[in-house]
mmCIF file of all heavy atoms, coordinates in Angstrom:
data_MODEL
# 
_entry.id   MODEL 
# 
loop_
_atom_site.group_PDB 
_atom_site.id 
_atom_site.type_symbol 
_atom_site.label_atom_id 
_atom_site.label_alt_id 
_atom_site.label_comp_id 
_atom_site.label_asym_id 
_atom_site.label_entity_id 
_atom_site.label_seq_id 
_atom_site.pdbx_PDB_ins_code 
_atom_site.Cartn_x 
_atom_site.Cartn_y 
_atom_site.Cartn_z 
_atom_site.occupancy 
_atom_site.B_iso_or_equiv 
_atom_site.pdbx_formal_charge 
_atom_site.auth_seq_id 
_atom_site.auth_comp_id 
_atom_site.auth_asym_id 
_atom_site.auth_atom_id 
_atom_site.pdbx_PDB_model_num 
ATOM 1   N N   . MET A 1 1  ? -14.022 28.488 17.145 1.00 0.00 ? 1  MET A N   1 
ATOM 2   C CA  . MET A 1 1  ? -14.239 27.197 16.509 1.00 0.00 ? 1  MET A CA  1 
ATOM 3   C C   . MET A 1 1  ? -13.305 27.059 15.343 1.00 0.00 ? 1  MET A C   1 
ATOM 4   O O   . MET A 1 1  ? -12.581 26.038 15.184 1.00 0.00 ? 1  MET A O   1 
ATOM 5   C CB  . MET A 1 1  ? -15.685 27.035 16.073 1.00 0.00 ? 1  MET A CB  1 
ATOM 6   C CG  . MET A 1 1  ? -15.982 25.775 15.273 1.00 0.00 ? 1  MET A CG  1 
ATOM 7   S SD  . MET A 1 1  ? -15.591 25.794 13.529 1.00 0.00 ? 1  MET A SD  1 
ATOM 8   C CE  . MET A 1 1  ? -16.780 27.034 12.916 1.00 0.00 ? 1  MET A CE  1 
ATOM 9   N N   . GLU A 1 2  ? -13.264 28.061 14.435 1.00 0.00 ? 2  GLU A N   1 
ATOM 10  C CA  . GLU A 1 2  ? -12.446 27.954 13.240 1.00 0.00 ? 2  GLU A CA  1 
ATOM 11  C C   . GLU A 1 2  ? -10.983 27.906 13.616 1.00 0.00 ? 2  GLU A C   1 
ATOM 12  O O   . GLU A 1 2  ? -10.228 27.072 13.007 1.00 0.00 ? 2  GLU A O   1 
ATOM 13  C CB  . GLU A 1 2  ? -12.708 29.165 12.357 1.00 0.00 ? 2  GLU A CB  1 
ATOM 14  C CG  . GLU A 1 2  ? -11.899 29.163 11.051 1.00 0.00 ? 2  GLU A CG  1 
ATOM 15  C CD  . GLU A 1 2  ? -12.215 30.273 10.108 1.00 0.00 ? 2  GLU A CD  1 
ATOM 16  O OE1 . GLU A 1 2  ? -13.389 30.766 10.116 1.00 0.00 ? 2  GLU A OE1 1 
ATOM 17  O OE2 . GLU A 1 2  ? -11.341 30.621 9.319  1.00 0.00 ? 2  GLU A OE2 1 
ATOM 18  N N   . GLU A 1 3  ? -10.514 28.680 14.529 1.00 0.00 ? 3  GLU A N   1 
ATOM 19  C CA  . GLU A 1 3  ? -9.083  28.657 14.906 1.00 0.00 ? 3  GLU A CA  1 
ATOM 20  C C   . GLU A 1 3  ? -8.738  27.264 15.454 1.00 0.00 ? 3  GLU A C   1 
ATOM 21  O O   . GLU A 1 3  ? -7.669  26.704 15.149 1.00 0.00 ? 3  GLU A O   1 
ATOM 22  C CB  . GLU A 1 3  ? -8.796  29.723 15.925 1.00 0.00 ? 3  GLU A CB  1 
ATOM 23  C CG  . GLU A 1 3  ? -7.324  29.748 16.344 1.00 0.00 ? 3  GLU A CG  1 
ATOM 24  C CD  . GLU A 1 3  ? -7.042  30.823 17.408 1.00 0.00 ? 3  GLU A CD  1 
ATOM 25  O OE1 . GLU A 1 3  ? -8.001  31.392 17.951 1.00 0.00 ? 3  GLU A OE1 1 
ATOM 26  O OE2 . GLU A 1 3  ? -5.848  31.042 17.681 1.00 0.00 ? 3  GLU A OE2 1 
ATOM 27  N N   . SER A 1 4  ? -9.614  26.714 16.286 1.00 0.00 ? 4  SER A N   1 
ATOM 28  C CA  . SER A 1 4  ? -9.310  25.414 16.905 1.00 0.00 ? 4  SER A CA  1 
ATOM 29  C C   . SER A 1 4  ? -9.219  24.344 15.832 1.00 0.00 ? 4  SER A C   1 
ATOM 30  O O   . SER A 1 4  ? -8.312  23.475 15.857 1.00 0.00 ? 4  SER A O   1 
ATOM 31  C CB  . SER A 1 4  ? -10.402 25.067 17.863 1.00 0.00 ? 4  SER A CB  1 
ATOM 32  O OG  . SER A 1 4  ? -10.262 23.764 18.401 1.00 0.00 ? 4  SER A OG  1 
ATOM 33  N N   . VAL A 1 5  ? -10.109 24.349 14.896 1.00 0.00 ? 5  VAL A N   1 
ATOM 34  C CA  . VAL A 1 5  ? -10.142 23.320 13.813 1.00 0.00 ? 5  VAL A CA  1 
ATOM 35  C C   . VAL A 1 5  ? -8.868  23.432 12.944 1.00 0.00 ? 5  VAL A C   1 
ATOM 36  O O   . VAL A 1 5  ? -8.238  22.421 12.639 1.00 0.00 ? 5  VAL A O   1 
ATOM 37  C CB  . VAL A 1 5  ? -11.423 23.442 12.957 1.00 0.00 ? 5  VAL A CB  1 
ATOM 38  C CG1 . VAL A 1 5  ? -11.317 22.543 11.710 1.00 0.00 ? 5  VAL A CG1 1 
ATOM 39  C CG2 . VAL A 1 5  ? -12.647 23.067 13.792 1.00 0.00 ? 5  VAL A CG2 1 
ATOM 40  N N   . ARG A 1 6  ? -8.531  24.668 12.581 1.00 0.00 ? 6  ARG A N   1 
ATOM 41  C CA  . ARG A 1 6  ? -7.312  24.811 11.749 1.00 0.00 ? 6  ARG A CA  1 
ATOM 42  C C   . ARG A 1 6  ? -6.075  24.341 12.477 1.00 0.00 ? 6  ARG A C   1 
ATOM 43  O O   . ARG A 1 6  ? -5.201  23.697 11.879 1.00 0.00 ? 6  ARG A O   1 
ATOM 44  C CB  . ARG A 1 6  ? -7.210  26.286 11.361 1.00 0.00 ? 6  ARG A CB  1 
ATOM 45  C CG  . ARG A 1 6  ? -8.228  26.731 10.323 1.00 0.00 ? 6  ARG A CG  1 
ATOM 46  C CD  . ARG A 1 6  ? -7.994  28.237 9.910  1.00 0.00 ? 6  ARG A CD  1 
ATOM 47  N NE  . ARG A 1 6  ? -9.006  28.740 9.010  1.00 0.00 ? 6  ARG A NE  1 
ATOM 48  C CZ  . ARG A 1 6  ? -9.016  28.551 7.669  1.00 0.00 ? 6  ARG A CZ  1 
ATOM 49  N NH1 . ARG A 1 6  ? -8.010  27.881 7.090  1.00 0.00 ? 6  ARG A NH1 1 
ATOM 50  N NH2 . ARG A 1 6  ? -9.970  29.056 6.906  1.00 0.00 ? 6  ARG A NH2 1 
ATOM 51  N N   . LEU A 1 7  ? -5.957  24.698 13.762 1.00 0.00 ? 7  LEU A N   1 
ATOM 52  C CA  . LEU A 1 7  ? -4.802  24.266 14.555 1.00 0.00 ? 7  LEU A CA  1 
ATOM 53  C C   . LEU A 1 7  ? -4.716  22.743 14.614 1.00 0.00 ? 7  LEU A C   1 
ATOM 54  O O   . LEU A 1 7  ? -3.632  22.152 14.494 1.00 0.00 ? 7  LEU A O   1 
ATOM 55  C CB  . LEU A 1 7  ? -4.872  24.873 15.932 1.00 0.00 ? 7  LEU A CB  1 
ATOM 56  C CG  . LEU A 1 7  ? -4.501  26.346 16.016 1.00 0.00 ? 7  LEU A CG  1 
ATOM 57  C CD1 . LEU A 1 7  ? -4.797  26.865 17.433 1.00 0.00 ? 7  LEU A CD1 1 
ATOM 58  C CD2 . LEU A 1 7  ? -3.042  26.620 15.667 1.00 0.00 ? 7  LEU A CD2 1 
ATOM 59  N N   . ARG A 1 8  ? -5.863  22.084 14.860 1.00 0.00 ? 8  ARG A N   1 
ATOM 60  C CA  . ARG A 1 8  ? -5.852  20.652 14.985 1.00 0.00 ? 8  ARG A CA  1 
ATOM 61  C C   . ARG A 1 8  ? -5.512  19.929 13.659 1.00 0.00 ? 8  ARG A C   1 
ATOM 62  O O   . ARG A 1 8  ? -4.795  18.970 13.639 1.00 0.00 ? 8  ARG A O   1 
ATOM 63  C CB  . ARG A 1 8  ? -7.221  20.132 15.424 1.00 0.00 ? 8  ARG A CB  1 
ATOM 64  C CG  . ARG A 1 8  ? -7.513  20.428 16.922 1.00 0.00 ? 8  ARG A CG  1 
ATOM 65  C CD  . ARG A 1 8  ? -8.857  19.905 17.338 1.00 0.00 ? 8  ARG A CD  1 
ATOM 66  N NE  . ARG A 1 8  ? -9.209  20.539 18.623 1.00 0.00 ? 8  ARG A NE  1 
ATOM 67  C CZ  . ARG A 1 8  ? -10.476 20.710 19.023 1.00 0.00 ? 8  ARG A CZ  1 
ATOM 68  N NH1 . ARG A 1 8  ? -11.443 20.341 18.233 1.00 0.00 ? 8  ARG A NH1 1 
ATOM 69  N NH2 . ARG A 1 8  ? -10.726 21.238 20.222 1.00 0.00 ? 8  ARG A NH2 1 
ATOM 70  N N   . MET A 1 9  ? -5.965  20.506 12.583 1.00 0.00 ? 9  MET A N   1 
ATOM 71  C CA  . MET A 1 9  ? -5.629  19.907 11.247 1.00 0.00 ? 9  MET A CA  1 
ATOM 72  C C   . MET A 1 9  ? -4.160  20.056 10.982 1.00 0.00 ? 9  MET A C   1 
ATOM 73  O O   . MET A 1 9  ? -3.526  19.133 10.412 1.00 0.00 ? 9  MET A O   1 
ATOM 74  C CB  . MET A 1 9  ? -6.480  20.567 10.140 1.00 0.00 ? 9  MET A CB  1 
ATOM 75  C CG  . MET A 1 9  ? -7.922  20.161 10.191 1.00 0.00 ? 9  MET A CG  1 
ATOM 76  S SD  . MET A 1 9  ? -8.884  20.737 8.754  1.00 0.00 ? 9  MET A SD  1 
ATOM 77  C CE  . MET A 1 9  ? -8.772  22.514 8.933  1.00 0.00 ? 9  MET A CE  1 
ATOM 78  N N   . ARG A 1 10 ? -3.528  21.196 11.304 1.00 0.00 ? 10 ARG A N   1 
ATOM 79  C CA  . ARG A 1 10 ? -2.119  21.347 11.081 1.00 0.00 ? 10 ARG A CA  1 
ATOM 80  C C   . ARG A 1 10 ? -1.330  20.447 12.035 1.00 0.00 ? 10 ARG A C   1 
ATOM 81  O O   . ARG A 1 10 ? -0.301  19.875 11.618 1.00 0.00 ? 10 ARG A O   1 
ATOM 82  C CB  . ARG A 1 10 ? -1.722  22.799 11.284 1.00 0.00 ? 10 ARG A CB  1 
ATOM 83  C CG  . ARG A 1 10 ? -2.263  23.705 10.153 1.00 0.00 ? 10 ARG A CG  1 
ATOM 84  C CD  . ARG A 1 10 ? -1.490  25.042 10.159 1.00 0.00 ? 10 ARG A CD  1 
ATOM 85  N NE  . ARG A 1 10 ? -1.835  25.853 11.291 1.00 0.00 ? 10 ARG A NE  1 
ATOM 86  C CZ  . ARG A 1 10 ? -2.869  26.743 11.329 1.00 0.00 ? 10 ARG A CZ  1 
ATOM 87  N NH1 . ARG A 1 10 ? -3.608  26.907 10.259 1.00 0.00 ? 10 ARG A NH1 1 
ATOM 88  N NH2 . ARG A 1 10 ? -3.071  27.452 12.434 1.00 0.00 ? 10 ARG A NH2 1 
ATOM 89  N N   . ALA A 1 11 ? -1.806  20.293 13.289 1.00 0.00 ? 11 ALA A N   1 
ATOM 90  C CA  . ALA A 1 11 ? -1.092  19.390 14.200 1.00 0.00 ? 11 ALA A CA  1 
ATOM 91  C C   . ALA A 1 11 ? -1.158  17.960 13.730 1.00 0.00 ? 11 ALA A C   1 
ATOM 92  O O   . ALA A 1 11 ? -0.215  17.202 13.822 1.00 0.00 ? 11 ALA A O   1 
ATOM 93  C CB  . ALA A 1 11 ? -1.732  19.537 15.590 1.00 0.00 ? 11 ALA A CB  1 
ATOM 94  N N   . SER A 1 12 ? -2.295  17.577 13.158 1.00 0.00 ? 12 SER A N   1 
ATOM 95  C CA  . SER A 1 12 ? -2.447  16.203 12.648 1.00 0.00 ? 12 SER A CA  1 
ATOM 96  C C   . SER A 1 12 ? -1.475  15.946 11.474 1.00 0.00 ? 12 SER A C   1 
ATOM 97  O O   . SER A 1 12 ? -0.837  14.933 11.393 1.00 0.00 ? 12 SER A O   1 
ATOM 98  C CB  . SER A 1 12 ? -3.891  15.960 12.176 1.00 0.00 ? 12 SER A CB  1 
ATOM 99  O OG  . SER A 1 12 ? -4.800  15.962 13.278 1.00 0.00 ? 12 SER A OG  1 
ATOM 100 N N   . ALA A 1 13 ? -1.353  16.971 10.619 1.00 0.00 ? 13 ALA A N   1 
ATOM 101 C CA  . ALA A 1 13 ? -0.416  16.821 9.459  1.00 0.00 ? 13 ALA A CA  1 
ATOM 102 C C   . ALA A 1 13 ? 1.015   16.679 9.969  1.00 0.00 ? 13 ALA A C   1 
ATOM 103 O O   . ALA A 1 13 ? 1.795   15.899 9.460  1.00 0.00 ? 13 ALA A O   1 
ATOM 104 C CB  . ALA A 1 13 ? -0.553  18.049 8.569  1.00 0.00 ? 13 ALA A CB  1 
ATOM 105 N N   . HIS A 1 14 ? 1.371   17.468 10.995 1.00 0.00 ? 14 HIS A N   1 
ATOM 106 C CA  . HIS A 1 14 ? 2.689   17.362 11.571 1.00 0.00 ? 14 HIS A CA  1 
ATOM 107 C C   . HIS A 1 14 ? 2.925   15.938 12.119 1.00 0.00 ? 14 HIS A C   1 
ATOM 108 O O   . HIS A 1 14 ? 3.987   15.328 11.933 1.00 0.00 ? 14 HIS A O   1 
ATOM 109 C CB  . HIS A 1 14 ? 2.862   18.425 12.691 1.00 0.00 ? 14 HIS A CB  1 
ATOM 110 C CG  . HIS A 1 14 ? 4.203   18.336 13.403 1.00 0.00 ? 14 HIS A CG  1 
ATOM 111 N ND1 . HIS A 1 14 ? 4.376   17.590 14.516 1.00 0.00 ? 14 HIS A ND1 1 
ATOM 112 C CD2 . HIS A 1 14 ? 5.395   18.927 13.128 1.00 0.00 ? 14 HIS A CD2 1 
ATOM 113 C CE1 . HIS A 1 14 ? 5.617   17.702 14.935 1.00 0.00 ? 14 HIS A CE1 1 
ATOM 114 N NE2 . HIS A 1 14 ? 6.248   18.506 14.071 1.00 0.00 ? 14 HIS A NE2 1 
ATOM 115 N N   . ASP A 1 15 ? 1.935   15.473 12.901 1.00 0.00 ? 15 ASP A N   1 
ATOM 116 C CA  . ASP A 1 15 ? 2.055   14.159 13.510 1.00 0.00 ? 15 ASP A CA  1 
ATOM 117 C C   . ASP A 1 15 ? 2.207   13.062 12.444 1.00 0.00 ? 15 ASP A C   1 
ATOM 118 O O   . ASP A 1 15 ? 2.810   12.044 12.669 1.00 0.00 ? 15 ASP A O   1 
ATOM 119 C CB  . ASP A 1 15 ? 0.858   13.823 14.391 1.00 0.00 ? 15 ASP A CB  1 
ATOM 120 C CG  . ASP A 1 15 ? 0.803   14.724 15.620 1.00 0.00 ? 15 ASP A CG  1 
ATOM 121 O OD1 . ASP A 1 15 ? 1.824   15.346 15.948 1.00 0.00 ? 15 ASP A OD1 1 
ATOM 122 O OD2 . ASP A 1 15 ? -0.240  14.772 16.262 1.00 0.00 ? 15 ASP A OD2 1 
ATOM 123 N N   . GLY A 1 16 ? 1.527   13.279 11.332 1.00 0.00 ? 16 GLY A N   1 
ATOM 124 C CA  . GLY A 1 16 ? 1.590   12.310 10.234 1.00 0.00 ? 16 GLY A CA  1 
ATOM 125 C C   . GLY A 1 16 ? 2.799   12.431 9.328  1.00 0.00 ? 16 GLY A C   1 
ATOM 126 O O   . GLY A 1 16 ? 2.923   11.680 8.360  1.00 0.00 ? 16 GLY A O   1 
ATOM 127 N N   . GLY A 1 17 ? 3.676   13.402 9.631  1.00 0.00 ? 17 GLY A N   1 
ATOM 128 C CA  . GLY A 1 17 ? 4.901   13.553 8.762  1.00 0.00 ? 17 GLY A CA  1 
ATOM 129 C C   . GLY A 1 17 ? 4.662   14.195 7.457  1.00 0.00 ? 17 GLY A C   1 
ATOM 130 O O   . GLY A 1 17 ? 5.508   14.079 6.535  1.00 0.00 ? 17 GLY A O   1 
ATOM 131 N N   . LEU A 1 18 ? 3.550   14.945 7.330  1.00 0.00 ? 18 LEU A N   1 
ATOM 132 C CA  . LEU A 1 18 ? 3.289   15.626 6.060  1.00 0.00 ? 18 LEU A CA  1 
ATOM 133 C C   . LEU A 1 18 ? 4.162   16.887 5.933  1.00 0.00 ? 18 LEU A C   1 
ATOM 134 O O   . LEU A 1 18 ? 4.782   17.317 6.950  1.00 0.00 ? 18 LEU A O   1 
ATOM 135 C CB  . LEU A 1 18 ? 1.837   16.003 5.927  1.00 0.00 ? 18 LEU A CB  1 
ATOM 136 C CG  . LEU A 1 18 ? 0.854   14.903 5.426  1.00 0.00 ? 18 LEU A CG  1 
ATOM 137 C CD1 . LEU A 1 18 ? 0.837   13.739 6.389  1.00 0.00 ? 18 LEU A CD1 1 
ATOM 138 C CD2 . LEU A 1 18 ? -0.545  15.437 5.244  1.00 0.00 ? 18 LEU A CD2 1 
ATOM 139 N N   . VAL A 1 19 ? 4.220   17.528 4.806  1.00 0.00 ? 19 VAL A N   1 
ATOM 140 C CA  . VAL A 1 19 ? 5.094   18.652 4.569  1.00 0.00 ? 19 VAL A CA  1 
ATOM 141 C C   . VAL A 1 19 ? 4.620   19.818 5.463  1.00 0.00 ? 19 VAL A C   1 
ATOM 142 O O   . VAL A 1 19 ? 3.436   19.895 5.837  1.00 0.00 ? 19 VAL A O   1 
ATOM 143 C CB  . VAL A 1 19 ? 5.114   19.066 3.096  1.00 0.00 ? 19 VAL A CB  1 
ATOM 144 C CG1 . VAL A 1 19 ? 5.646   17.967 2.232  1.00 0.00 ? 19 VAL A CG1 1 
ATOM 145 C CG2 . VAL A 1 19 ? 3.699   19.481 2.637  1.00 0.00 ? 19 VAL A CG2 1 
ATOM 146 N N   . SER A 1 20 ? 5.551   20.716 5.744  1.00 0.00 ? 20 SER A N   1 
ATOM 147 C CA  . SER A 1 20 ? 5.233   21.880 6.534  1.00 0.00 ? 20 SER A CA  1 
ATOM 148 C C   . SER A 1 20 ? 4.078   22.688 5.904  1.00 0.00 ? 20 SER A C   1 
ATOM 149 O O   . SER A 1 20 ? 4.043   22.924 4.712  1.00 0.00 ? 20 SER A O   1 
ATOM 150 C CB  . SER A 1 20 ? 6.465   22.771 6.686  1.00 0.00 ? 20 SER A CB  1 
ATOM 151 O OG  . SER A 1 20 ? 6.159   23.934 7.416  1.00 0.00 ? 20 SER A OG  1 
ATOM 152 N N   . GLY A 1 21 ? 3.133   23.093 6.706  1.00 0.00 ? 21 GLY A N   1 
ATOM 153 C CA  . GLY A 1 21 ? 1.994   23.921 6.266  1.00 0.00 ? 21 GLY A CA  1 
ATOM 154 C C   . GLY A 1 21 ? 0.806   23.075 5.826  1.00 0.00 ? 21 GLY A C   1 
ATOM 155 O O   . GLY A 1 21 ? -0.218  23.629 5.479  1.00 0.00 ? 21 GLY A O   1 
ATOM 156 N N   . ALA A 1 22 ? 0.935   21.754 5.836  1.00 0.00 ? 22 ALA A N   1 
ATOM 157 C CA  . ALA A 1 22 ? -0.148  20.878 5.397  1.00 0.00 ? 22 ALA A CA  1 
ATOM 158 C C   . ALA A 1 22 ? -1.219  20.757 6.487  1.00 0.00 ? 22 ALA A C   1 
ATOM 159 O O   . ALA A 1 22 ? -0.995  21.106 7.645  1.00 0.00 ? 22 ALA A O   1 
ATOM 160 C CB  . ALA A 1 22 ? 0.373   19.513 4.974  1.00 0.00 ? 22 ALA A CB  1 
ATOM 161 N N   . SER A 1 23 ? -2.341  20.268 6.081  1.00 0.00 ? 23 SER A N   1 
ATOM 162 C CA  . SER A 1 23 ? -3.454  19.936 7.050  1.00 0.00 ? 23 SER A CA  1 
ATOM 163 C C   . SER A 1 23 ? -3.931  18.546 6.757  1.00 0.00 ? 23 SER A C   1 
ATOM 164 O O   . SER A 1 23 ? -3.958  18.067 5.619  1.00 0.00 ? 23 SER A O   1 
ATOM 165 C CB  . SER A 1 23 ? -4.622  20.949 6.867  1.00 0.00 ? 23 SER A CB  1 
ATOM 166 O OG  . SER A 1 23 ? -4.230  22.243 7.259  1.00 0.00 ? 23 SER A OG  1 
ATOM 167 N N   . ALA A 1 24 ? -4.349  17.855 7.823  1.00 0.00 ? 24 ALA A N   1 
ATOM 168 C CA  . ALA A 1 24 ? -4.772  16.480 7.702  1.00 0.00 ? 24 ALA A CA  1 
ATOM 169 C C   . ALA A 1 24 ? -5.898  16.130 8.646  1.00 0.00 ? 24 ALA A C   1 
ATOM 170 O O   . ALA A 1 24 ? -6.153  16.798 9.632  1.00 0.00 ? 24 ALA A O   1 
ATOM 171 C CB  . ALA A 1 24 ? -3.606  15.528 7.971  1.00 0.00 ? 24 ALA A CB  1 
ATOM 172 N N   . GLU A 1 25 ? -6.644  15.029 8.276  1.00 0.00 ? 25 GLU A N   1 
ATOM 173 C CA  . GLU A 1 25 ? -7.580  14.441 9.161  1.00 0.00 ? 25 GLU A CA  1 
ATOM 174 C C   . GLU A 1 25 ? -7.089  13.056 9.518  1.00 0.00 ? 25 GLU A C   1 
ATOM 175 O O   . GLU A 1 25 ? -6.412  12.397 8.743  1.00 0.00 ? 25 GLU A O   1 
ATOM 176 C CB  . GLU A 1 25 ? -8.975  14.347 8.445  1.00 0.00 ? 25 GLU A CB  1 
ATOM 177 C CG  . GLU A 1 25 ? -9.567  15.733 8.266  1.00 0.00 ? 25 GLU A CG  1 
ATOM 178 C CD  . GLU A 1 25 ? -10.852 15.734 7.370  1.00 0.00 ? 25 GLU A CD  1 
ATOM 179 O OE1 . GLU A 1 25 ? -11.008 14.803 6.592  1.00 0.00 ? 25 GLU A OE1 1 
ATOM 180 O OE2 . GLU A 1 25 ? -11.591 16.713 7.489  1.00 0.00 ? 25 GLU A OE2 1 
ATOM 181 N N   . GLU A 1 26 ? -7.439  12.620 10.721 1.00 0.00 ? 26 GLU A N   1 
ATOM 182 C CA  . GLU A 1 26 ? -6.860  11.354 11.251 1.00 0.00 ? 26 GLU A CA  1 
ATOM 183 C C   . GLU A 1 26 ? -7.915  10.224 11.238 1.00 0.00 ? 26 GLU A C   1 
ATOM 184 O O   . GLU A 1 26 ? -9.084  10.455 11.533 1.00 0.00 ? 26 GLU A O   1 
ATOM 185 C CB  . GLU A 1 26 ? -6.419  11.543 12.710 1.00 0.00 ? 26 GLU A CB  1 
ATOM 186 C CG  . GLU A 1 26 ? -5.323  12.579 12.876 1.00 0.00 ? 26 GLU A CG  1 
ATOM 187 C CD  . GLU A 1 26 ? -4.860  12.717 14.313 1.00 0.00 ? 26 GLU A CD  1 
ATOM 188 O OE1 . GLU A 1 26 ? -5.205  11.805 15.141 1.00 0.00 ? 26 GLU A OE1 1 
ATOM 189 O OE2 . GLU A 1 26 ? -4.168  13.707 14.582 1.00 0.00 ? 26 GLU A OE2 1 
# 
């Protein structure tokens, strides 16, 4: 569960054009 959530947050940040290593919610 934890790994999945962390991966999704980093993927969201990438999709949103945030800086490398960031995490985001959509």
